Amino acid sequence: MNTMMIEPVILSPAPKTQRESARARFPGRPVSPDWNTTRKGGEDIWELVTHPAFVLANQATQAKRIRGLTRMLDWLEVQPGATWQERWQASGAQSIRANWRQAPWPG
């Protein structure tokens, strides 16, 4: 009787994608509940984000950005919280992630 030995097949794990590999090598930093900029007042934030490196060369696009900034800061100022980050999280925008633009912005 001829008995053949069958070698076990050893499966190697599926190759990681480049993104998975990078995430393993460089894990995300812990999310801080706030940082210095989140404690600044509305005027300070306005000054920060309406000056270089946040200004666009296209004036029409920059004007739209300024209108959006105004609406967002006005909206966040009425949300509960002591910092911009707390207000953002309290608004519910954080929980809808990539769809944050669909948050109930004021008219």
PDB file of N, CA and C in Angstrom:
ATOM      1  N   MET A   1       0.840  -1.157   0.000  1.00  0.00           N
ATOM      2  CA  MET A   1       0.000   0.000   0.000  1.00  0.00           C
ATOM      3  C   MET A   1       0.892   1.230   0.000  1.00  0.00           C
ATOM      4  N   ASN A   2       0.608   2.138  -0.912  1.00  0.00           N
ATOM      5  CA  ASN A   2       1.400   3.344  -1.057  1.00  0.00           C
ATOM      6  C   ASN A   2       0.706   4.467  -0.291  1.00  0.00           C
ATOM      7  N   THR A   3       1.316   4.941   0.765  1.00  0.00           N
ATOM      8  CA  THR A   3       0.742   6.013   1.583  1.00  0.00           C
ATOM      9  C   THR A   3       1.448   7.312   1.260  1.00  0.00           C
ATOM     10  N   MET A   4       0.675   8.279   0.798  1.00  0.00           N
ATOM     11  CA  MET A   4       1.265   9.579   0.471  1.00  0.00           C
ATOM     12  C   MET A   4       1.060  10.520   1.643  1.00  0.00           C
ATOM     13  N   MET A   5       2.076  11.246   1.909  1.00  0.00           N
ATOM     14  CA  MET A   5       1.983  12.262   2.962  1.00  0.00           C
ATOM     15  C   MET A   5       1.508  13.552   2.317  1.00  0.00           C
ATOM     16  N   ILE A   6       0.523  14.126   2.883  1.00  0.00           N
ATOM     17  CA  ILE A   6       0.032  15.404   2.387  1.00  0.00           C
ATOM     18  C   ILE A   6       0.578  16.490   3.303  1.00  0.00           C
ATOM     19  N   GLU A   7       1.293  17.403   2.692  1.00  0.00           N
ATOM     20  CA  GLU A   7       1.862  18.504   3.458  1.00  0.00           C
ATOM     21  C   GLU A   7       0.755  19.497   3.803  1.00  0.00           C
ATOM     22  N   PRO A   8       0.729  19.991   5.018  1.00  0.00           N
ATOM     23  CA  PRO A   8      -0.284  20.998   5.360  1.00  0.00           C
ATOM     24  C   PRO A   8      -0.010  22.291   4.601  1.00  0.00           C
ATOM     25  N   VAL A   9      -1.069  22.945   4.240  1.00  0.00           N
ATOM     26  CA  VAL A   9      -0.952  24.234   3.552  1.00  0.00           C
ATOM     27  C   VAL A   9      -0.951  25.319   4.618  1.00  0.00           C
ATOM     28  N   ILE A  10       0.077  26.103   4.593  1.00  0.00           N
ATOM     29  CA  ILE A  10       0.176  27.204   5.551  1.00  0.00           C
ATOM     30  C   ILE A  10      -0.130  28.489   4.816  1.00  0.00           C
ATOM     31  N   LEU A  11      -1.197  29.117   5.247  1.00  0.00           N
ATOM     32  CA  LEU A  11      -1.606  30.367   4.610  1.00  0.00           C
ATOM     33  C   LEU A  11      -0.953  31.534   5.335  1.00  0.00           C
ATOM     34  N   SER A  12      -0.361  32.389   4.567  1.00  0.00           N
ATOM     35  CA  SER A  12       0.208  33.590   5.177  1.00  0.00           C
ATOM     36  C   SER A  12      -0.895  34.638   5.244  1.00  0.00           C
ATOM     37  N   PRO A  13      -0.789  35.538   6.209  1.00  0.00           N
ATOM     38  CA  PRO A  13      -1.818  36.579   6.297  1.00  0.00           C
ATOM     39  C   PRO A  13      -1.839  37.416   5.023  1.00  0.00           C
ATOM     40  N   ALA A  14      -2.992  37.927   4.723  1.00  0.00           N
ATOM     41  CA  ALA A  14      -3.131  38.760   3.519  1.00  0.00           C
ATOM     42  C   ALA A  14      -2.201  39.961   3.648  1.00  0.00           C
ATOM     43  N   PRO A  15      -1.602  40.362   2.552  1.00  0.00           N
ATOM     44  CA  PRO A  15      -0.707  41.521   2.635  1.00  0.00           C
ATOM     45  C   PRO A  15      -1.483  42.766   3.039  1.00  0.00           C
ATOM     46  N   LYS A  16      -0.859  43.560   3.882  1.00  0.00           N
ATOM     47  CA  LYS A  16      -1.503  44.785   4.335  1.00  0.00           C
ATOM     48  C   LYS A  16      -1.459  45.821   3.225  1.00  0.00           C
ATOM     49  N   THR A  17      -2.492  46.619   3.200  1.00  0.00           N
ATOM     50  CA  THR A  17      -2.471  47.726   2.252  1.00  0.00           C
ATOM     51  C   THR A  17      -1.454  48.746   2.756  1.00  0.00           C
ATOM     52  N   GLN A  18      -1.090  49.639   1.905  1.00  0.00           N
ATOM     53  CA  GLN A  18      -0.131  50.668   2.278  1.00  0.00           C
ATOM     54  C   GLN A  18      -0.684  51.507   3.442  1.00  0.00           C
ATOM     55  N   ARG A  19      -1.976  51.788   3.399  1.00  0.00           N
ATOM     56  CA  ARG A  19      -2.593  52.579   4.466  1.00  0.00           C
ATOM     57  C   ARG A  19      -2.555  51.831   5.798  1.00  0.00           C
ATOM     58  N   GLU A  20      -2.912  50.550   5.779  1.00  0.00           N
ATOM     59  CA  GLU A  20      -2.885  49.761   7.014  1.00  0.00           C
ATOM     60  C   GLU A  20      -1.482  49.679   7.575  1.00  0.00           C
ATOM     61  N   SER A  21      -0.522  49.505   6.686  1.00  0.00           N
ATOM     62  CA  SER A  21       0.863  49.426   7.101  1.00  0.00           C
ATOM     63  C   SER A  21       1.312  50.734   7.754  1.00  0.00           C
ATOM     64  N   ALA A  22       0.946  51.844   7.149  1.00  0.00           N
ATOM     65  CA  ALA A  22       1.307  53.150   7.707  1.00  0.00           C
ATOM     66  C   ALA A  22       0.624  53.374   9.050  1.00  0.00           C
ATOM     67  N   ARG A  23      -0.628  52.974   9.170  1.00  0.00           N
ATOM     68  CA  ARG A  23      -1.339  53.131  10.448  1.00  0.00           C
ATOM     69  C   ARG A  23      -0.686  52.310  11.551  1.00  0.00           C
ATOM     70  N   ALA A  24      -0.185  51.135  11.196  1.00  0.00           N
ATOM     71  CA  ALA A  24       0.485  50.296  12.189  1.00  0.00           C
ATOM     72  C   ALA A  24       1.800  50.932  12.628  1.00  0.00           C
ATOM     73  N   ARG A  25       2.515  51.514  11.670  1.00  0.00           N
ATOM     74  CA  ARG A  25       3.801  52.135  11.995  1.00  0.00           C
ATOM     75  C   ARG A  25       3.639  53.472  12.687  1.00  0.00           C
ATOM     76  N   PHE A  26       2.599  54.226  12.309  1.00  0.00           N
ATOM     77  CA  PHE A  26       2.402  55.569  12.841  1.00  0.00           C
ATOM     78  C   PHE A  26       0.993  55.704  13.409  1.00  0.00           C
ATOM     79  N   PRO A  27       0.736  55.142  14.576  1.00  0.00           N
ATOM     80  CA  PRO A  27      -0.619  55.216  15.139  1.00  0.00           C
ATOM     81  C   PRO A  27      -1.009  56.664  15.427  1.00  0.00           C
ATOM     82  N   GLY A  28      -2.303  56.921  15.372  1.00  0.00           N
ATOM     83  CA  GLY A  28      -2.812  58.267  15.626  1.00  0.00           C
ATOM     84  C   GLY A  28      -2.531  58.705  17.050  1.00  0.00           C
ATOM     85  N   ARG A  29      -2.386  59.987  17.207  1.00  0.00           N
ATOM     86  CA  ARG A  29      -2.160  60.513  18.557  1.00  0.00           C
ATOM     87  C   ARG A  29      -3.483  60.542  19.308  1.00  0.00           C
ATOM     88  N   PRO A  30      -3.438  60.498  20.610  1.00  0.00           N
ATOM     89  CA  PRO A  30      -4.688  60.572  21.377  1.00  0.00           C
ATOM     90  C   PRO A  30      -5.377  61.910  21.115  1.00  0.00           C
ATOM     91  N   VAL A  31      -6.678  61.900  21.090  1.00  0.00           N
ATOM     92  CA  VAL A  31      -7.439  63.124  20.854  1.00  0.00           C
ATOM     93  C   VAL A  31      -7.500  63.918  22.143  1.00  0.00           C
ATOM     94  N   SER A  32      -7.001  65.121  22.078  1.00  0.00           N
ATOM     95  CA  SER A  32      -7.017  66.004  23.236  1.00  0.00           C
ATOM     96  C   SER A  32      -8.390  66.664  23.326  1.00  0.00           C
ATOM     97  N   PRO A  33      -8.927  66.827  24.522  1.00  0.00           N
ATOM     98  CA  PRO A  33     -10.239  67.464  24.636  1.00  0.00           C
ATOM     99  C   PRO A  33     -10.197  68.944  24.242  1.00  0.00           C
ATOM    100  N   ASP A  34      -9.030  69.559  24.340  1.00  0.00           N
ATOM    101  CA  ASP A  34      -8.869  70.932  23.885  1.00  0.00           C
ATOM    102  C   ASP A  34      -7.381  71.238  23.767  1.00  0.00           C
ATOM    103  N   TRP A  35      -7.097  72.373  23.188  1.00  0.00           N
ATOM    104  CA  TRP A  35      -5.728  72.851  23.108  1.00  0.00           C
ATOM    105  C   TRP A  35      -5.818  74.368  23.099  1.00  0.00           C
ATOM    106  N   ASN A  36      -4.697  75.016  23.126  1.00  0.00           N
ATOM    107  CA  ASN A  36      -4.663  76.459  23.315  1.00  0.00           C
ATOM    108  C   ASN A  36      -5.572  77.215  22.346  1.00  0.00           C
ATOM    109  N   THR A  37      -5.547  76.889  21.085  1.00  0.00           N
ATOM    110  CA  THR A  37      -6.339  77.623  20.095  1.00  0.00           C
ATOM    111  C   THR A  37      -7.832  77.471  20.340  1.00  0.00           C
ATOM    112  N   THR A  38      -8.267  76.338  20.881  1.00  0.00           N
ATOM    113  CA  THR A  38      -9.706  76.143  21.104  1.00  0.00           C
ATOM    114  C   THR A  38     -10.240  77.042  22.205  1.00  0.00           C
ATOM    115  N   ARG A  39      -9.336  77.641  22.985  1.00  0.00           N
ATOM    116  CA  ARG A  39      -9.752  78.520  24.072  1.00  0.00           C
ATOM    117  C   ARG A  39      -9.758  79.996  23.672  1.00  0.00           C
ATOM    118  N   LYS A  40      -9.334  80.295  22.442  1.00  0.00           N
ATOM    119  CA  LYS A  40      -9.286  81.684  21.982  1.00  0.00           C
ATOM    120  C   LYS A  40     -10.702  82.218  21.748  1.00  0.00           C
ATOM    121  N   GLY A  41     -10.839  83.524  21.793  1.00  0.00           N
ATOM    122  CA  GLY A  41     -12.120  84.161  21.518  1.00  0.00           C
ATOM    123  C   GLY A  41     -12.408  84.203  20.023  1.00  0.00           C
ATOM    124  N   GLY A  42     -13.636  84.534  19.683  1.00  0.00           N
ATOM    125  CA  GLY A  42     -14.059  84.580  18.294  1.00  0.00           C
ATOM    126  C   GLY A  42     -13.235  85.533  17.441  1.00  0.00           C
ATOM    127  N   GLU A  43     -12.904  86.721  17.974  1.00  0.00           N
ATOM    128  CA  GLU A  43     -12.105  87.681  17.218  1.00  0.00           C
ATOM    129  C   GLU A  43     -10.704  87.137  16.939  1.00  0.00           C
ATOM    130  N   ASP A  44     -10.130  86.450  17.917  1.00  0.00           N
ATOM    131  CA  ASP A  44      -8.804  85.859  17.720  1.00  0.00           C
ATOM    132  C   ASP A  44      -8.835  84.774  16.651  1.00  0.00           C
ATOM    133  N   ILE A  45      -9.877  83.967  16.665  1.00  0.00           N
ATOM    134  CA  ILE A  45     -10.016  82.914  15.653  1.00  0.00           C
ATOM    135  C   ILE A  45     -10.189  83.554  14.283  1.00  0.00           C
ATOM    136  N   TRP A  46     -11.018  84.585  14.208  1.00  0.00           N
ATOM    137  CA  TRP A  46     -11.241  85.297  12.951  1.00  0.00           C
ATOM    138  C   TRP A  46      -9.908  85.799  12.390  1.00  0.00           C
ATOM    139  N   GLU A  47      -9.103  86.447  13.233  1.00  0.00           N
ATOM    140  CA  GLU A  47      -7.798  86.964  12.797  1.00  0.00           C
ATOM    141  C   GLU A  47      -6.899  85.833  12.318  1.00  0.00           C
ATOM    142  N   LEU A  48      -6.917  84.737  13.027  1.00  0.00           N
ATOM    143  CA  LEU A  48      -6.061  83.603  12.673  1.00  0.00           C
ATOM    144  C   LEU A  48      -6.398  83.040  11.294  1.00  0.00           C
ATOM    145  N   VAL A  49      -7.669  82.801  11.042  1.00  0.00           N
ATOM    146  CA  VAL A  49      -8.038  82.102   9.803  1.00  0.00           C
ATOM    147  C   VAL A  49      -8.339  83.016   8.619  1.00  0.00           C
ATOM    148  N   THR A  50      -8.236  84.324   8.808  1.00  0.00           N
ATOM    149  CA  THR A  50      -8.412  85.231   7.668  1.00  0.00           C
ATOM    150  C   THR A  50      -7.087  85.870   7.241  1.00  0.00           C
ATOM    151  N   HIS A  51      -6.002  85.339   7.717  1.00  0.00           N
ATOM    152  CA  HIS A  51      -4.671  85.815   7.334  1.00  0.00           C
ATOM    153  C   HIS A  51      -3.869  84.645   6.766  1.00  0.00           C
ATOM    154  N   PRO A  52      -2.782  84.965   6.055  1.00  0.00           N
ATOM    155  CA  PRO A  52      -1.959  83.874   5.488  1.00  0.00           C
ATOM    156  C   PRO A  52      -1.609  82.875   6.589  1.00  0.00           C
ATOM    157  N   ALA A  53      -1.615  81.682   6.367  1.00  0.00           N
ATOM    158  CA  ALA A  53      -1.636  80.817   5.223  1.00  0.00           C
ATOM    159  C   ALA A  53      -3.036  80.307   4.878  1.00  0.00           C
ATOM    160  N   PHE A  54      -4.054  80.941   5.404  1.00  0.00           N
ATOM    161  CA  PHE A  54      -5.418  80.480   5.166  1.00  0.00           C
ATOM    162  C   PHE A  54      -6.143  81.272   4.082  1.00  0.00           C
ATOM    163  N   VAL A  55      -5.515  82.275   3.530  1.00  0.00           N
ATOM    164  CA  VAL A  55      -6.154  83.127   2.533  1.00  0.00           C
ATOM    165  C   VAL A  55      -5.924  82.546   1.140  1.00  0.00           C
ATOM    166  N   LEU A  56      -6.989  82.505   0.357  1.00  0.00           N
ATOM    167  CA  LEU A  56      -6.901  82.009  -1.014  1.00  0.00           C
ATOM    168  C   LEU A  56      -6.653  83.150  -1.987  1.00  0.00           C
ATOM    169  N   ALA A  57      -5.970  82.863  -3.080  1.00  0.00           N
ATOM    170  CA  ALA A  57      -5.686  83.876  -4.101  1.00  0.00           C
ATOM    171  C   ALA A  57      -6.955  84.281  -4.845  1.00  0.00           C
ATOM    172  N   ASN A  58      -7.869  83.344  -5.056  1.00  0.00           N
ATOM    173  CA  ASN A  58      -9.114  83.626  -5.761  1.00  0.00           C
ATOM    174  C   ASN A  58     -10.051  84.388  -4.816  1.00  0.00           C
ATOM    175  N   GLN A  59     -10.305  85.657  -5.130  1.00  0.00           N
ATOM    176  CA  GLN A  59     -11.097  86.498  -4.233  1.00  0.00           C
ATOM    177  C   GLN A  59     -12.537  86.031  -4.066  1.00  0.00           C
ATOM    178  N   ALA A  60     -13.137  85.502  -5.121  1.00  0.00           N
ATOM    179  CA  ALA A  60     -14.519  85.021  -5.022  1.00  0.00           C
ATOM    180  C   ALA A  60     -14.595  83.813  -4.090  1.00  0.00           C
ATOM    181  N   THR A  61     -13.649  82.914  -4.231  1.00  0.00           N
ATOM    182  CA  THR A  61     -13.625  81.735  -3.363  1.00  0.00           C
ATOM    183  C   THR A  61     -13.314  82.142  -1.924  1.00  0.00           C
ATOM    184  N   GLN A  62     -12.416  83.110  -1.758  1.00  0.00           N
ATOM    185  CA  GLN A  62     -12.092  83.598  -0.422  1.00  0.00           C
ATOM    186  C   GLN A  62     -13.306  84.241   0.226  1.00  0.00           C
ATOM    187  N   ALA A  63     -14.093  84.984  -0.549  1.00  0.00           N
ATOM    188  CA  ALA A  63     -15.300  85.615  -0.014  1.00  0.00           C
ATOM    189  C   ALA A  63     -16.298  84.562   0.474  1.00  0.00           C
ATOM    190  N   LYS A  64     -16.435  83.473  -0.287  1.00  0.00           N
ATOM    191  CA  LYS A  64     -17.320  82.372   0.146  1.00  0.00           C
ATOM    192  C   LYS A  64     -16.801  81.753   1.435  1.00  0.00           C
ATOM    193  N   ARG A  65     -15.505  81.600   1.511  1.00  0.00           N
ATOM    194  CA  ARG A  65     -14.893  81.025   2.711  1.00  0.00           C
ATOM    195  C   ARG A  65     -15.165  81.916   3.921  1.00  0.00           C
ATOM    196  N   ILE A  66     -15.059  83.233   3.741  1.00  0.00           N
ATOM    197  CA  ILE A  66     -15.313  84.173   4.839  1.00  0.00           C
ATOM    198  C   ILE A  66     -16.772  84.095   5.288  1.00  0.00           C
ATOM    199  N   ARG A  67     -17.699  84.019   4.313  1.00  0.00           N
ATOM    200  CA  ARG A  67     -19.124  83.881   4.684  1.00  0.00           C
ATOM    201  C   ARG A  67     -19.350  82.599   5.469  1.00  0.00           C
ATOM    202  N   GLY A  68     -18.748  81.516   5.024  1.00  0.00           N
ATOM    203  CA  GLY A  68     -18.879  80.241   5.740  1.00  0.00           C
ATOM    204  C   GLY A  68     -18.277  80.301   7.130  1.00  0.00           C
ATOM    205  N   LEU A  69     -17.138  80.948   7.244  1.00  0.00           N
ATOM    206  CA  LEU A  69     -16.489  81.109   8.547  1.00  0.00           C
ATOM    207  C   LEU A  69     -17.380  81.903   9.490  1.00  0.00           C
ATOM    208  N   THR A  70     -17.959  82.970   8.984  1.00  0.00           N
ATOM    209  CA  THR A  70     -18.848  83.796   9.802  1.00  0.00           C
ATOM    210  C   THR A  70     -20.028  82.981  10.315  1.00  0.00           C
ATOM    211  N   ARG A  71     -20.654  82.230   9.417  1.00  0.00           N
ATOM    212  CA  ARG A  71     -21.800  81.401   9.817  1.00  0.00           C
ATOM    213  C   ARG A  71     -21.386  80.357  10.850  1.00  0.00           C
ATOM    214  N   MET A  72     -20.253  79.711  10.610  1.00  0.00           N
ATOM    215  CA  MET A  72     -19.832  78.656  11.523  1.00  0.00           C
ATOM    216  C   MET A  72     -19.488  79.207  12.902  1.00  0.00           C
ATOM    217  N   LEU A  73     -18.743  80.318  12.956  1.00  0.00           N
ATOM    218  CA  LEU A  73     -18.394  80.885  14.259  1.00  0.00           C
ATOM    219  C   LEU A  73     -19.635  81.370  14.999  1.00  0.00           C
ATOM    220  N   ASP A  74     -20.557  82.008  14.282  1.00  0.00           N
ATOM    221  CA  ASP A  74     -21.810  82.449  14.917  1.00  0.00           C
ATOM    222  C   ASP A  74     -22.570  81.258  15.482  1.00  0.00           C
ATOM    223  N   TRP A  75     -22.625  80.181  14.694  1.00  0.00           N
ATOM    224  CA  TRP A  75     -23.348  78.983  15.110  1.00  0.00           C
ATOM    225  C   TRP A  75     -22.663  78.325  16.307  1.00  0.00           C
ATOM    226  N   LEU A  76     -21.352  78.216  16.249  1.00  0.00           N
ATOM    227  CA  LEU A  76     -20.644  77.572  17.356  1.00  0.00           C
ATOM    228  C   LEU A  76     -20.713  78.389  18.641  1.00  0.00           C
ATOM    229  N   GLU A  77     -20.753  79.703  18.521  1.00  0.00           N
ATOM    230  CA  GLU A  77     -20.798  80.533  19.727  1.00  0.00           C
ATOM    231  C   GLU A  77     -22.042  80.291  20.559  1.00  0.00           C
ATOM    232  N   VAL A  78     -23.139  79.836  19.954  1.00  0.00           N
ATOM    233  CA  VAL A  78     -24.357  79.591  20.726  1.00  0.00           C
ATOM    234  C   VAL A  78     -24.467  78.141  21.203  1.00  0.00           C
ATOM    235  N   GLN A  79     -23.498  77.311  20.866  1.00  0.00           N
ATOM    236  CA  GLN A  79     -23.508  75.927  21.333  1.00  0.00           C
ATOM    237  C   GLN A  79     -22.948  75.890  22.752  1.00  0.00           C
ATOM    238  N   PRO A  80     -23.372  74.919  23.555  1.00  0.00           N
ATOM    239  CA  PRO A  80     -22.836  74.840  24.918  1.00  0.00           C
ATOM    240  C   PRO A  80     -21.372  74.397  24.909  1.00  0.00           C
ATOM    241  N   GLY A  81     -20.622  74.951  25.831  1.00  0.00           N
ATOM    242  CA  GLY A  81     -19.221  74.569  25.972  1.00  0.00           C
ATOM    243  C   GLY A  81     -18.347  75.774  26.227  1.00  0.00           C
ATOM    244  N   ALA A  82     -17.187  75.528  26.807  1.00  0.00           N
ATOM    245  CA  ALA A  82     -16.256  76.603  27.140  1.00  0.00           C
ATOM    246  C   ALA A  82     -15.212  76.816  26.052  1.00  0.00           C
ATOM    247  N   THR A  83     -15.011  75.832  25.185  1.00  0.00           N
ATOM    248  CA  THR A  83     -14.018  75.948  24.114  1.00  0.00           C
ATOM    249  C   THR A  83     -14.697  75.661  22.777  1.00  0.00           C
ATOM    250  N   TRP A  84     -14.006  76.024  21.680  1.00  0.00           N
ATOM    251  CA  TRP A  84     -14.552  75.732  20.354  1.00  0.00           C
ATOM    252  C   TRP A  84     -14.713  74.233  20.156  1.00  0.00           C
ATOM    253  N   GLN A  85     -13.772  73.470  20.660  1.00  0.00           N
ATOM    254  CA  GLN A  85     -13.839  72.012  20.522  1.00  0.00           C
ATOM    255  C   GLN A  85     -15.045  71.458  21.273  1.00  0.00           C
ATOM    256  N   GLU A  86     -15.286  71.919  22.482  1.00  0.00           N
ATOM    257  CA  GLU A  86     -16.457  71.460  23.248  1.00  0.00           C
ATOM    258  C   GLU A  86     -17.752  71.834  22.536  1.00  0.00           C
ATOM    259  N   ARG A  87     -17.791  73.029  21.978  1.00  0.00           N
ATOM    260  CA  ARG A  87     -18.991  73.469  21.266  1.00  0.00           C
ATOM    261  C   ARG A  87     -19.227  72.627  20.017  1.00  0.00           C
ATOM    262  N   TRP A  88     -18.134  72.331  19.296  1.00  0.00           N
ATOM    263  CA  TRP A  88     -18.238  71.487  18.094  1.00  0.00           C
ATOM    264  C   TRP A  88     -18.802  70.127  18.487  1.00  0.00           C
ATOM    265  N   GLN A  89     -18.275  69.538  19.542  1.00  0.00           N
ATOM    266  CA  GLN A  89     -18.749  68.223  19.970  1.00  0.00           C
ATOM    267  C   GLN A  89     -20.181  68.284  20.471  1.00  0.00           C
ATOM    268  N   ALA A  90     -20.538  69.330  21.200  1.00  0.00           N
ATOM    269  CA  ALA A  90     -21.908  69.468  21.709  1.00  0.00           C
ATOM    270  C   ALA A  90     -22.908  69.683  20.582  1.00  0.00           C
ATOM    271  N   SER A  91     -22.450  70.252  19.474  1.00  0.00           N
ATOM    272  CA  SER A  91     -23.345  70.562  18.356  1.00  0.00           C
ATOM    273  C   SER A  91     -23.871  69.305  17.661  1.00  0.00           C
ATOM    274  N   GLY A  92     -23.165  68.193  17.827  1.00  0.00           N
ATOM    275  CA  GLY A  92     -23.534  66.978  17.112  1.00  0.00           C
ATOM    276  C   GLY A  92     -22.793  66.825  15.801  1.00  0.00           C
ATOM    277  N   ALA A  93     -22.109  67.871  15.349  1.00  0.00           N
ATOM    278  CA  ALA A  93     -21.370  67.804  14.084  1.00  0.00           C
ATOM    279  C   ALA A  93     -20.268  66.750  14.141  1.00  0.00           C
ATOM    280  N   GLN A  94     -19.666  66.565  15.309  1.00  0.00           N
ATOM    281  CA  GLN A  94     -18.602  65.575  15.464  1.00  0.00           C
ATOM    282  C   GLN A  94     -19.111  64.161  15.178  1.00  0.00           C
ATOM    283  N   SER A  95     -20.320  63.880  15.589  1.00  0.00           N
ATOM    284  CA  SER A  95     -20.849  62.518  15.442  1.00  0.00           C
ATOM    285  C   SER A  95     -21.256  62.189  14.008  1.00  0.00           C
ATOM    286  N   ILE A  96     -21.481  63.195  13.173  1.00  0.00           N
ATOM    287  CA  ILE A  96     -21.861  62.895  11.793  1.00  0.00           C
ATOM    288  C   ILE A  96     -20.651  62.917  10.859  1.00  0.00           C
ATOM    289  N   ARG A  97     -19.496  63.093  11.433  1.00  0.00           N
ATOM    290  CA  ARG A  97     -18.197  62.988  10.759  1.00  0.00           C
ATOM    291  C   ARG A  97     -18.138  63.700   9.418  1.00  0.00           C
ATOM    292  N   ALA A  98     -17.929  62.972   8.337  1.00  0.00           N
ATOM    293  CA  ALA A  98     -17.729  63.574   7.016  1.00  0.00           C
ATOM    294  C   ALA A  98     -18.957  64.342   6.535  1.00  0.00           C
ATOM    295  N   ASN A  99     -20.101  64.104   7.139  1.00  0.00           N
ATOM    296  CA  ASN A  99     -21.327  64.793   6.732  1.00  0.00           C
ATOM    297  C   ASN A  99     -21.594  66.035   7.574  1.00  0.00           C
ATOM    298  N   TRP A 100     -20.552  66.580   8.220  1.00  0.00           N
ATOM    299  CA  TRP A 100     -20.738  67.715   9.118  1.00  0.00           C
ATOM    300  C   TRP A 100     -21.348  68.921   8.413  1.00  0.00           C
ATOM    301  N   ARG A 101     -21.187  69.011   7.115  1.00  0.00           N
ATOM    302  CA  ARG A 101     -21.772  70.137   6.386  1.00  0.00           C
ATOM    303  C   ARG A 101     -23.304  70.084   6.423  1.00  0.00           C
ATOM    304  N   GLN A 102     -23.855  68.929   6.767  1.00  0.00           N
ATOM    305  CA  GLN A 102     -25.295  68.791   6.830  1.00  0.00           C
ATOM    306  C   GLN A 102     -25.845  69.145   8.203  1.00  0.00           C
ATOM    307  N   ALA A 103     -24.983  69.632   9.096  1.00  0.00           N
ATOM    308  CA  ALA A 103     -25.431  70.049  10.428  1.00  0.00           C
ATOM    309  C   ALA A 103     -26.422  71.215  10.263  1.00  0.00           C
ATOM    310  N   PRO A 104     -27.251  71.457  11.260  1.00  0.00           N
ATOM    311  CA  PRO A 104     -28.273  72.507  11.151  1.00  0.00           C
ATOM    312  C   PRO A 104     -27.680  73.909  11.284  1.00  0.00           C
ATOM    313  N   TRP A 105     -26.980  74.365  10.249  1.00  0.00           N
ATOM    314  CA  TRP A 105     -26.376  75.705  10.245  1.00  0.00           C
ATOM    315  C   TRP A 105     -27.477  76.763  10.199  1.00  0.00           C
ATOM    316  N   PRO A 106     -27.223  77.911  10.799  1.00  0.00           N
ATOM    317  CA  PRO A 106     -28.213  78.989  10.723  1.00  0.00           C
ATOM    318  C   PRO A 106     -28.318  79.514   9.288  1.00  0.00           C
ATOM    319  N   GLY A 107     -29.484  80.058   8.951  1.00  0.00           N
ATOM    320  CA  GLY A 107     -29.809  80.560   7.625  1.00  0.00           C
ATOM    321  C   GLY A 107     -28.773  81.447   7.051  1.00  0.00           C
TER     322      GLY A 107
END
